[in-house]
Amino acid sequence: MRIPPLWLELSQGDEPDWENPITESSGLAHDLSQLRPQTVPSITWEQLKMMVQEGVALPASFSITMPDDSMEPRVKRGATIFCSTQVEPEAGDGAIVRYPSGAVLFRQLRLSSAGWEAHAFNENYRDSEPVRGIEVLAVKVGINARGL
C-alpha cells in the first residue's frame, strides 16, 4: 500500500484508501524506511594521540580498537569502540579522555564536585587517587565485541 508521505508525517492530505490498497507500492512508508549506511572512519591510537597533540579536530564519529585490558571486563582488549565528539558526556559513560599529563586513554567517567574523573575498571590500571582535571575528547556510543 502506498501511503502519502504528507498524510503519514503530518496527518494532512488524502487519507489512504484502506479498503482498496494500491498494489504498485514502492514499499516505502516514508523516508525513515530507507536505510542510509554511513561510513565511520577507523583511526588508530597513534593517529588519535597525534591529532590531539597537534590540535587537529577529531571526526564527529569514529571507531578505534581498545589497545589494552585496562577496562576489562567491561571492554576487552581488541574490542572496536564507536565514539562521538557530538555527544554530551554523562556519569558512567566510557570516554576517550586527555589527562592533565597529556596521556590519552579510554576510561569510565565519574562526576565529582571538582568535575570529571577518569577510572579504569581493571585494578592493575587504577590510579591511587582519582584523576581530576581531565578533558573529555569523545564519548563511547557503541561497541563491537564478543562476549559483552
Protein backbone atom coordinates (compact mmCIF):
# COMPACT_ATOMS: atom_id res chain seq x y z
CA MET A 1 0.00 0.00 0.00
CA ARG A 2 1.30 3.42 -0.89
CA ILE A 3 0.76 5.89 1.93
CA PRO A 4 1.09 9.57 1.02
CA PRO A 5 4.11 10.97 2.95
CA LEU A 6 2.26 14.20 3.84
CA TRP A 7 -0.56 12.21 5.42
CA LEU A 8 1.86 9.92 7.25
CA GLU A 9 4.07 12.72 8.60
CA LEU A 10 1.51 15.47 9.26
CA SER A 11 -1.88 13.76 9.04
CA GLN A 12 -2.73 16.14 6.20
CA GLY A 13 -3.93 15.48 2.69
CA ASP A 14 -5.86 12.48 1.39
CA GLU A 15 -6.15 9.54 3.75
CA PRO A 16 -5.13 6.24 2.16
CA ASP A 17 -7.94 4.04 0.85
CA TRP A 18 -7.60 1.27 3.40
CA GLU A 19 -10.24 -0.89 1.67
CA ASN A 20 -8.54 -0.85 -1.75
CA PRO A 21 -4.78 -0.74 -1.27
CA ILE A 22 -2.70 0.13 -4.29
CA THR A 23 -0.55 -2.84 -5.20
CA GLU A 24 2.03 -0.76 -7.05
CA SER A 25 3.72 0.34 -3.88
CA SER A 26 7.29 1.46 -3.70
CA GLY A 27 7.48 -0.39 -0.39
CA LEU A 28 8.45 2.75 1.48
CA ALA A 29 6.15 4.30 4.02
CA HIS A 30 8.34 7.37 4.46
CA ASP A 31 11.96 8.49 4.33
CA LEU A 32 12.82 6.73 7.60
CA SER A 33 12.18 3.39 5.92
CA GLN A 34 15.20 3.87 3.72
CA LEU A 35 18.46 2.53 5.04
CA ARG A 36 21.25 5.05 4.74
CA PRO A 37 24.50 3.35 5.68
CA GLN A 38 27.20 5.63 6.97
CA THR A 39 30.90 5.02 6.92
CA VAL A 40 32.61 5.68 10.22
CA PRO A 41 36.35 6.30 9.91
CA SER A 42 38.58 3.98 11.88
CA ILE A 43 41.61 5.55 13.50
CA THR A 44 44.49 4.07 15.46
CA TRP A 45 45.55 5.15 18.93
CA GLU A 46 48.74 6.56 17.43
CA GLN A 47 46.71 8.67 14.98
CA LEU A 48 44.38 9.78 17.78
CA LYS A 49 47.26 10.83 20.04
CA MET A 50 48.94 12.71 17.19
CA MET A 51 45.70 14.52 16.31
CA VAL A 52 45.18 15.54 19.94
CA GLN A 53 48.80 16.60 20.37
CA GLU A 54 48.70 18.70 17.19
CA GLY A 55 45.31 20.22 17.98
CA VAL A 56 43.59 18.63 14.98
CA ALA A 57 39.82 18.31 15.40
CA LEU A 58 38.63 14.75 15.85
CA PRO A 59 35.96 13.43 13.45
CA ALA A 60 32.35 13.77 14.63
CA SER A 61 32.24 9.97 14.89
CA PHE A 62 34.92 7.33 14.56
CA SER A 63 35.90 3.83 15.63
CA ILE A 64 39.02 2.77 17.47
CA THR A 65 40.33 -0.54 18.81
CA MET A 66 40.76 -0.96 22.56
CA PRO A 67 44.55 -1.30 22.89
CA ASP A 68 44.83 -2.91 26.33
CA ASP A 69 42.96 -4.61 29.16
CA SER A 70 42.59 -1.52 31.36
CA MET A 71 38.80 -1.57 31.08
CA GLU A 72 38.23 -5.33 31.40
CA PRO A 73 35.88 -6.98 32.00
CA ARG A 74 33.59 -4.24 30.63
CA VAL A 75 35.61 -3.52 27.47
CA LYS A 76 38.04 -6.18 26.33
CA ARG A 77 41.35 -5.70 24.56
CA GLY A 78 40.70 -5.69 20.79
CA ALA A 79 37.07 -4.54 21.04
CA THR A 80 36.01 -1.92 18.49
CA ILE A 81 34.75 1.19 20.25
CA PHE A 82 32.47 3.58 18.36
CA CYS A 83 32.89 7.16 19.60
CA SER A 84 31.25 10.53 19.07
CA THR A 85 32.56 14.01 19.71
CA GLN A 86 29.00 15.33 19.38
CA VAL A 87 27.50 13.55 22.40
CA GLU A 88 27.46 15.23 25.81
CA PRO A 89 29.16 13.01 28.39
CA GLU A 90 27.26 11.63 31.36
CA ALA A 91 28.48 10.00 34.54
CA GLY A 92 29.15 6.32 33.88
CA ASP A 93 29.96 6.78 30.18
CA GLY A 94 33.04 5.28 28.63
CA ALA A 95 35.08 8.04 27.05
CA ILE A 96 38.36 8.91 25.46
CA VAL A 97 39.96 11.41 27.79
CA ARG A 98 43.10 13.51 27.98
CA TYR A 99 44.79 13.56 31.37
CA PRO A 100 46.47 16.74 32.63
CA SER A 101 49.78 14.95 31.90
CA GLY A 102 48.79 14.74 28.21
CA ALA A 103 48.08 11.00 28.23
CA VAL A 104 45.11 9.97 26.04
CA LEU A 105 43.20 6.94 27.36
CA PHE A 106 39.82 5.21 27.33
CA ARG A 107 38.23 5.39 30.80
CA GLN A 108 34.91 5.46 32.63
CA LEU A 109 33.69 8.92 33.62
CA ARG A 110 32.56 9.84 37.09
CA LEU A 111 31.39 13.27 38.13
CA SER A 112 32.57 14.82 41.37
CA SER A 113 32.28 18.31 42.82
CA ALA A 114 35.67 19.03 41.21
CA GLY A 115 34.49 17.94 37.73
CA TRP A 116 35.05 14.83 35.63
CA GLU A 117 37.16 11.98 36.99
CA ALA A 118 38.55 9.08 34.95
CA HIS A 119 38.58 5.49 36.23
CA ALA A 120 39.89 2.18 34.88
CA PHE A 121 37.91 -0.99 35.59
CA ASN A 122 40.97 -3.21 35.81
CA GLU A 123 42.59 -2.85 39.23
CA ASN A 124 46.07 -3.12 37.66
CA TYR A 125 45.48 0.21 35.91
CA ARG A 126 43.77 2.13 38.68
CA ASP A 127 45.33 5.35 39.86
CA SER A 128 45.95 5.66 43.59
CA GLU A 129 43.82 8.82 43.56
CA PRO A 130 41.03 9.79 41.17
CA VAL A 131 42.40 11.70 38.18
CA ARG A 132 40.80 15.13 38.04
CA GLY A 133 41.09 17.93 35.53
CA ILE A 134 40.61 15.62 32.56
CA GLU A 135 39.31 16.69 29.18
CA VAL A 136 36.62 14.52 27.57
CA LEU A 137 37.53 14.15 23.89
CA ALA A 138 34.88 11.65 22.73
CA VAL A 139 32.12 9.52 24.25
CA LYS A 140 31.59 5.81 23.56
CA VAL A 141 28.30 5.36 21.72
CA GLY A 142 28.71 1.72 20.78
CA ILE A 143 30.94 -1.30 20.98
CA ASN A 144 31.51 -4.33 18.80
CA ALA A 145 32.99 -7.21 20.72
CA ARG A 146 32.23 -10.81 21.53
CA GLY A 147 31.07 -11.76 24.98
CA LEU A 148 29.80 -8.34 26.02
